[in-house]
Amino acid sequence: RLRTVTGVQTCALPISIACLLLEFYVPGTMRWFTPCVFGPASIGLVALGWRDRSVCIGAAAGLAATVAYDVFRVPFVVWAGMPLFKVFPQFGAMILGGPASAPAAHVAGWIYHFSNGITFGVMYAALVGMAFRRRWPVAVVFAMGLEAAMLLTPYTSRFGIGLTAKFVAVTLTAHLVFGVTMGLTGKWLARETD
């Protein structure tokens, strides 16, 4: 089981993030990379993993973690005016090739955001196999590592977000929430499906 999950997901995670990373360094690539590479790879992941219990737990844990991550950030967007959600329509604009203000850009950007969260969950499953219950802290380390790595990319400058101490503190805490939620959800789902 672990070999199957690892083989499927080891391919899908880099492709998910490759969309965005390629766009940072070669503008315009996300528009063709998403439908030509990321889309088919995602369909392949679903086709190969939908019956694998570990993949399903990881995907569900990643989705739950993404929701918790976004809910945690809402007060910072609403009351502190931080531009934490402004990147999603920009993701959509990069995928669709239109303006970020278009409703389709908002939809595509949010779908891409949630697909990344789900993919991170399945990658976490690949890291721990079916040891969700005893290895759930790995999710926290994984999530924090993802954010630390993203801060080393042109993410903030590309989207016009100031790389302030406040931004770093909020985004690292949000990823802590993501990791804890993903780990505990995976632990709970593994117990419930035994």
C-alpha atoms as a PDB file:
ATOM      1  CA  ARG A   1       0.000   0.000   0.000  1.00  0.00           C
ATOM      2  CA  LEU A   2       2.670   2.503   0.962  1.00  0.00           C
ATOM      3  CA  ARG A   3       4.572   1.900  -2.258  1.00  0.00           C
ATOM      4  CA  THR A   4       1.445   2.649  -4.316  1.00  0.00           C
ATOM      5  CA  VAL A   5       0.637   5.828  -2.411  1.00  0.00           C
ATOM      6  CA  THR A   6       4.212   7.055  -2.547  1.00  0.00           C
ATOM      7  CA  GLY A   7       4.543   6.405  -6.276  1.00  0.00           C
ATOM      8  CA  VAL A   8       1.281   8.134  -7.108  1.00  0.00           C
ATOM      9  CA  GLN A   9       1.747  11.105  -4.843  1.00  0.00           C
ATOM     10  CA  THR A  10       5.448  11.666  -5.232  1.00  0.00           C
ATOM     11  CA  CYS A  11       4.596  12.577  -8.822  1.00  0.00           C
ATOM     12  CA  ALA A  12       1.498  14.656  -8.054  1.00  0.00           C
ATOM     13  CA  LEU A  13       2.914  16.966  -5.388  1.00  0.00           C
ATOM     14  CA  PRO A  14       5.759  18.408  -7.437  1.00  0.00           C
ATOM     15  CA  ILE A  15       3.373  18.882 -10.360  1.00  0.00           C
ATOM     16  CA  SER A  16       0.903  20.773  -8.159  1.00  0.00           C
ATOM     17  CA  ILE A  17       3.518  23.192  -6.896  1.00  0.00           C
ATOM     18  CA  ALA A  18       5.418  23.211 -10.184  1.00  0.00           C
ATOM     19  CA  CYS A  19       2.496  25.124 -11.724  1.00  0.00           C
ATOM     20  CA  LEU A  20       3.076  28.045  -9.396  1.00  0.00           C
ATOM     21  CA  LEU A  21       6.857  27.839  -9.209  1.00  0.00           C
ATOM     22  CA  LEU A  22       7.189  27.782 -12.985  1.00  0.00           C
ATOM     23  CA  GLU A  23       4.980  30.862 -13.173  1.00  0.00           C
ATOM     24  CA  PHE A  24       7.277  32.696 -10.762  1.00  0.00           C
ATOM     25  CA  TYR A  25      10.316  32.095 -12.908  1.00  0.00           C
ATOM     26  CA  VAL A  26       8.769  31.821 -16.404  1.00  0.00           C
ATOM     27  CA  PRO A  27       5.631  34.009 -16.521  1.00  0.00           C
ATOM     28  CA  GLY A  28       2.826  32.555 -18.627  1.00  0.00           C
ATOM     29  CA  THR A  29       3.598  28.902 -17.971  1.00  0.00           C
ATOM     30  CA  MET A  30       0.725  28.295 -15.562  1.00  0.00           C
ATOM     31  CA  ARG A  31      -1.788  28.869 -18.362  1.00  0.00           C
ATOM     32  CA  TRP A  32      -0.574  25.885 -20.401  1.00  0.00           C
ATOM     33  CA  PHE A  33       0.945  23.794 -17.596  1.00  0.00           C
ATOM     34  CA  THR A  34      -2.330  23.502 -15.659  1.00  0.00           C
ATOM     35  CA  PRO A  35      -4.459  21.952 -18.437  1.00  0.00           C
ATOM     36  CA  CYS A  36      -1.641  20.035 -20.124  1.00  0.00           C
ATOM     37  CA  VAL A  37       0.233  18.606 -17.114  1.00  0.00           C
ATOM     38  CA  PHE A  38      -1.380  19.352 -13.740  1.00  0.00           C
ATOM     39  CA  GLY A  39      -4.938  18.507 -14.850  1.00  0.00           C
ATOM     40  CA  PRO A  40      -4.088  15.103 -16.348  1.00  0.00           C
ATOM     41  CA  ALA A  41      -1.784  14.284 -13.408  1.00  0.00           C
ATOM     42  CA  SER A  42      -4.612  15.097 -10.977  1.00  0.00           C
ATOM     43  CA  ILE A  43      -7.023  12.898 -12.905  1.00  0.00           C
ATOM     44  CA  GLY A  44      -4.413  10.127 -12.835  1.00  0.00           C
ATOM     45  CA  LEU A  45      -3.990  10.565  -9.073  1.00  0.00           C
ATOM     46  CA  VAL A  46      -7.732  10.222  -8.536  1.00  0.00           C
ATOM     47  CA  ALA A  47      -7.934   7.213 -10.864  1.00  0.00           C
ATOM     48  CA  LEU A  48      -5.024   5.422  -9.174  1.00  0.00           C
ATOM     49  CA  GLY A  49      -5.761   6.414  -5.611  1.00  0.00           C
ATOM     50  CA  TRP A  50      -9.523   6.580  -5.134  1.00  0.00           C
ATOM     51  CA  ARG A  51      -9.687   3.050  -3.739  1.00  0.00           C
ATOM     52  CA  ASP A  52      -6.541   3.349  -1.625  1.00  0.00           C
ATOM     53  CA  ARG A  53      -7.551   3.988   1.993  1.00  0.00           C
ATOM     54  CA  SER A  54      -4.400   5.961   2.793  1.00  0.00           C
ATOM     55  CA  VAL A  55      -4.846   8.259  -0.224  1.00  0.00           C
ATOM     56  CA  CYS A  56      -8.491   8.887   0.704  1.00  0.00           C
ATOM     57  CA  ILE A  57      -7.606   9.670   4.327  1.00  0.00           C
ATOM     58  CA  GLY A  58      -4.805  11.978   3.221  1.00  0.00           C
ATOM     59  CA  ALA A  59      -7.046  13.784   0.721  1.00  0.00           C
ATOM     60  CA  ALA A  60      -9.797  14.276   3.307  1.00  0.00           C
ATOM     61  CA  ALA A  61      -7.276  15.437   5.915  1.00  0.00           C
ATOM     62  CA  GLY A  62      -5.763  17.897   3.408  1.00  0.00           C
ATOM     63  CA  LEU A  63      -9.196  19.289   2.556  1.00  0.00           C
ATOM     64  CA  ALA A  64     -10.134  19.693   6.234  1.00  0.00           C
ATOM     65  CA  ALA A  65      -6.777  21.346   6.911  1.00  0.00           C
ATOM     66  CA  THR A  66      -7.259  23.798   4.036  1.00  0.00           C
ATOM     67  CA  VAL A  67     -10.658  24.819   5.392  1.00  0.00           C
ATOM     68  CA  ALA A  68      -9.196  25.299   8.898  1.00  0.00           C
ATOM     69  CA  TYR A  69      -6.277  27.255   7.415  1.00  0.00           C
ATOM     70  CA  ASP A  70      -8.607  29.642   5.600  1.00  0.00           C
ATOM     71  CA  VAL A  71     -11.016  30.036   8.536  1.00  0.00           C
ATOM     72  CA  PHE A  72      -8.059  30.906  10.777  1.00  0.00           C
ATOM     73  CA  ARG A  73      -7.002  33.638   8.332  1.00  0.00           C
ATOM     74  CA  VAL A  74     -10.448  35.267   7.961  1.00  0.00           C
ATOM     75  CA  PRO A  75     -10.084  37.604  10.980  1.00  0.00           C
ATOM     76  CA  PHE A  76      -6.738  38.834   9.692  1.00  0.00           C
ATOM     77  CA  VAL A  77      -8.306  39.620   6.316  1.00  0.00           C
ATOM     78  CA  VAL A  78     -11.513  41.182   7.674  1.00  0.00           C
ATOM     79  CA  TRP A  79     -10.272  43.108  10.691  1.00  0.00           C
ATOM     80  CA  ALA A  80      -6.577  43.614  10.047  1.00  0.00           C
ATOM     81  CA  GLY A  81      -6.921  44.178   6.290  1.00  0.00           C
ATOM     82  CA  MET A  82      -4.181  41.720   5.391  1.00  0.00           C
ATOM     83  CA  PRO A  83      -4.203  40.689   1.701  1.00  0.00           C
ATOM     84  CA  LEU A  84      -4.114  36.953   2.428  1.00  0.00           C
ATOM     85  CA  PHE A  85      -6.860  35.938  -0.016  1.00  0.00           C
ATOM     86  CA  LYS A  86      -5.928  38.266  -2.863  1.00  0.00           C
ATOM     87  CA  VAL A  87      -3.647  35.650  -4.386  1.00  0.00           C
ATOM     88  CA  PHE A  88      -6.493  33.266  -5.289  1.00  0.00           C
ATOM     89  CA  PRO A  89      -8.020  35.312  -8.122  1.00  0.00           C
ATOM     90  CA  GLN A  90      -4.462  35.943  -9.310  1.00  0.00           C
ATOM     91  CA  PHE A  91      -3.890  32.170  -9.427  1.00  0.00           C
ATOM     92  CA  GLY A  92      -7.056  31.926 -11.510  1.00  0.00           C
ATOM     93  CA  ALA A  93      -5.928  34.728 -13.813  1.00  0.00           C
ATOM     94  CA  MET A  94      -2.622  32.961 -14.378  1.00  0.00           C
ATOM     95  CA  ILE A  95      -4.442  29.710 -15.157  1.00  0.00           C
ATOM     96  CA  LEU A  96      -7.104  31.241 -17.423  1.00  0.00           C
ATOM     97  CA  GLY A  97      -5.088  34.069 -18.932  1.00  0.00           C
ATOM     98  CA  GLY A  98      -7.668  36.754 -18.129  1.00  0.00           C
ATOM     99  CA  PRO A  99      -8.055  39.490 -15.548  1.00  0.00           C
ATOM    100  CA  ALA A 100      -7.985  38.660 -11.841  1.00  0.00           C
ATOM    101  CA  SER A 101     -11.227  40.584 -11.412  1.00  0.00           C
ATOM    102  CA  ALA A 102     -13.191  38.111 -13.561  1.00  0.00           C
ATOM    103  CA  PRO A 103     -15.513  35.770 -11.609  1.00  0.00           C
ATOM    104  CA  ALA A 104     -13.971  32.784 -13.418  1.00  0.00           C
ATOM    105  CA  ALA A 105     -10.525  33.784 -12.101  1.00  0.00           C
ATOM    106  CA  HIS A 106     -11.864  33.734  -8.536  1.00  0.00           C
ATOM    107  CA  VAL A 107     -13.400  30.275  -9.023  1.00  0.00           C
ATOM    108  CA  ALA A 108     -10.328  28.818 -10.757  1.00  0.00           C
ATOM    109  CA  GLY A 109      -7.989  30.296  -8.147  1.00  0.00           C
ATOM    110  CA  TRP A 110      -9.914  28.899  -5.207  1.00  0.00           C
ATOM    111  CA  ILE A 111     -10.156  25.487  -6.883  1.00  0.00           C
ATOM    112  CA  TYR A 112      -6.393  25.524  -7.415  1.00  0.00           C
ATOM    113  CA  HIS A 113      -5.873  26.516  -3.761  1.00  0.00           C
ATOM    114  CA  PHE A 114      -8.024  23.637  -2.490  1.00  0.00           C
ATOM    115  CA  SER A 115      -6.434  21.177  -4.916  1.00  0.00           C
ATOM    116  CA  ASN A 116      -3.044  22.072  -3.438  1.00  0.00           C
ATOM    117  CA  GLY A 117      -4.333  21.462   0.094  1.00  0.00           C
ATOM    118  CA  ILE A 118      -5.735  18.079  -0.913  1.00  0.00           C
ATOM    119  CA  THR A 119      -2.479  17.196  -2.657  1.00  0.00           C
ATOM    120  CA  PHE A 120      -0.496  18.146   0.462  1.00  0.00           C
ATOM    121  CA  GLY A 121      -2.748  15.815   2.443  1.00  0.00           C
ATOM    122  CA  VAL A 122      -2.060  12.927   0.108  1.00  0.00           C
ATOM    123  CA  MET A 123       1.659  13.682   0.210  1.00  0.00           C
ATOM    124  CA  TYR A 124       1.454  13.552   3.995  1.00  0.00           C
ATOM    125  CA  ALA A 125      -0.192  10.132   3.622  1.00  0.00           C
ATOM    126  CA  ALA A 126       2.726   9.065   1.448  1.00  0.00           C
ATOM    127  CA  LEU A 127       5.120  10.135   4.193  1.00  0.00           C
ATOM    128  CA  VAL A 128       3.402   8.245   7.012  1.00  0.00           C
ATOM    129  CA  GLY A 129       1.723   5.339   5.205  1.00  0.00           C
ATOM    130  CA  MET A 130      -1.068   4.056   7.403  1.00  0.00           C
ATOM    131  CA  ALA A 131       0.655   5.225  10.604  1.00  0.00           C
ATOM    132  CA  PHE A 132      -1.660   8.254  10.868  1.00  0.00           C
ATOM    133  CA  ARG A 133      -2.402   7.651  14.537  1.00  0.00           C
ATOM    134  CA  ARG A 134       1.119   7.547  15.901  1.00  0.00           C
ATOM    135  CA  ARG A 135       2.853   9.773  13.321  1.00  0.00           C
ATOM    136  CA  TRP A 136       0.367  12.659  13.096  1.00  0.00           C
ATOM    137  CA  PRO A 137       3.000  15.247  14.252  1.00  0.00           C
ATOM    138  CA  VAL A 138       4.748  14.684  10.894  1.00  0.00           C
ATOM    139  CA  ALA A 139       1.891  16.728   9.384  1.00  0.00           C
ATOM    140  CA  VAL A 140       2.898  19.747  11.475  1.00  0.00           C
ATOM    141  CA  VAL A 141       6.556  19.560  10.445  1.00  0.00           C
ATOM    142  CA  PHE A 142       5.526  19.014   6.817  1.00  0.00           C
ATOM    143  CA  ALA A 143       3.171  22.042   6.805  1.00  0.00           C
ATOM    144  CA  MET A 144       5.708  24.335   8.454  1.00  0.00           C
ATOM    145  CA  GLY A 145       8.380  23.186   6.011  1.00  0.00           C
ATOM    146  CA  LEU A 146       6.111  23.952   3.060  1.00  0.00           C
ATOM    147  CA  GLU A 147       5.573  27.512   4.256  1.00  0.00           C
ATOM    148  CA  ALA A 148       9.223  28.093   5.105  1.00  0.00           C
ATOM    149  CA  ALA A 149      10.152  26.946   1.594  1.00  0.00           C
ATOM    150  CA  MET A 150       7.477  29.153  -0.003  1.00  0.00           C
ATOM    151  CA  LEU A 151       8.850  32.190   1.820  1.00  0.00           C
ATOM    152  CA  LEU A 152      12.131  31.613  -0.019  1.00  0.00           C
ATOM    153  CA  THR A 153      10.408  31.966  -3.406  1.00  0.00           C
ATOM    154  CA  PRO A 154       9.256  35.216  -5.065  1.00  0.00           C
ATOM    155  CA  TYR A 155       5.706  34.534  -3.727  1.00  0.00           C
ATOM    156  CA  THR A 156       5.321  37.762  -1.737  1.00  0.00           C
ATOM    157  CA  SER A 157       6.912  40.051  -4.315  1.00  0.00           C
ATOM    158  CA  ARG A 158       5.006  38.398  -7.193  1.00  0.00           C
ATOM    159  CA  PHE A 159       1.668  39.048  -5.492  1.00  0.00           C
ATOM    160  CA  GLY A 160       2.536  42.429  -3.997  1.00  0.00           C
ATOM    161  CA  ILE A 161       2.450  41.271  -0.388  1.00  0.00           C
ATOM    162  CA  GLY A 162       4.826  42.956   2.015  1.00  0.00           C
ATOM    163  CA  LEU A 163       7.182  40.470   3.639  1.00  0.00           C
ATOM    164  CA  THR A 164       6.643  41.907   7.112  1.00  0.00           C
ATOM    165  CA  ALA A 165       7.103  40.273  10.501  1.00  0.00           C
ATOM    166  CA  LYS A 166       3.309  40.353  10.906  1.00  0.00           C
ATOM    167  CA  PHE A 167       2.771  38.541   7.589  1.00  0.00           C
ATOM    168  CA  VAL A 168       5.376  35.896   8.433  1.00  0.00           C
ATOM    169  CA  ALA A 169       3.897  35.357  11.918  1.00  0.00           C
ATOM    170  CA  VAL A 170       0.327  35.017  10.599  1.00  0.00           C
ATOM    171  CA  THR A 171       1.228  32.758   7.694  1.00  0.00           C
ATOM    172  CA  LEU A 172       3.445  30.471   9.786  1.00  0.00           C
ATOM    173  CA  THR A 173       0.716  30.217  12.441  1.00  0.00           C
ATOM    174  CA  ALA A 174      -1.837  29.463   9.719  1.00  0.00           C
ATOM    175  CA  HIS A 175       0.400  26.648   8.487  1.00  0.00           C
ATOM    176  CA  LEU A 176       0.702  25.381  12.050  1.00  0.00           C
ATOM    177  CA  VAL A 177      -3.129  25.253  12.122  1.00  0.00           C
ATOM    178  CA  PHE A 178      -3.056  23.479   8.748  1.00  0.00           C
ATOM    179  CA  GLY A 179      -0.558  20.881   9.983  1.00  0.00           C
ATOM    180  CA  VAL A 180      -2.280  20.193  13.298  1.00  0.00           C
ATOM    181  CA  THR A 181      -5.671  19.898  11.589  1.00  0.00           C
ATOM    182  CA  MET A 182      -4.291  17.617   8.896  1.00  0.00           C
ATOM    183  CA  GLY A 183      -2.508  15.398  11.401  1.00  0.00           C
ATOM    184  CA  LEU A 184      -5.416  15.097  13.820  1.00  0.00           C
ATOM    185  CA  THR A 185      -7.965  14.608  11.029  1.00  0.00           C
ATOM    186  CA  GLY A 186      -5.835  11.838   9.546  1.00  0.00           C
ATOM    187  CA  LYS A 187      -5.503  10.267  12.981  1.00  0.00           C
ATOM    188  CA  TRP A 188      -9.269  10.431  13.567  1.00  0.00           C
ATOM    189  CA  LEU A 189     -10.155   9.110  10.095  1.00  0.00           C
ATOM    190  CA  ALA A 190      -7.704   6.223  10.439  1.00  0.00           C
ATOM    191  CA  ARG A 191      -9.338   5.233  13.714  1.00  0.00           C
ATOM    192  CA  GLU A 192     -12.879   5.623  12.307  1.00  0.00           C
ATOM    193  CA  THR A 193     -12.172   3.496   9.239  1.00  0.00           C
ATOM    194  CA  ASP A 194     -10.439   0.609  11.060  1.00  0.00           C
END
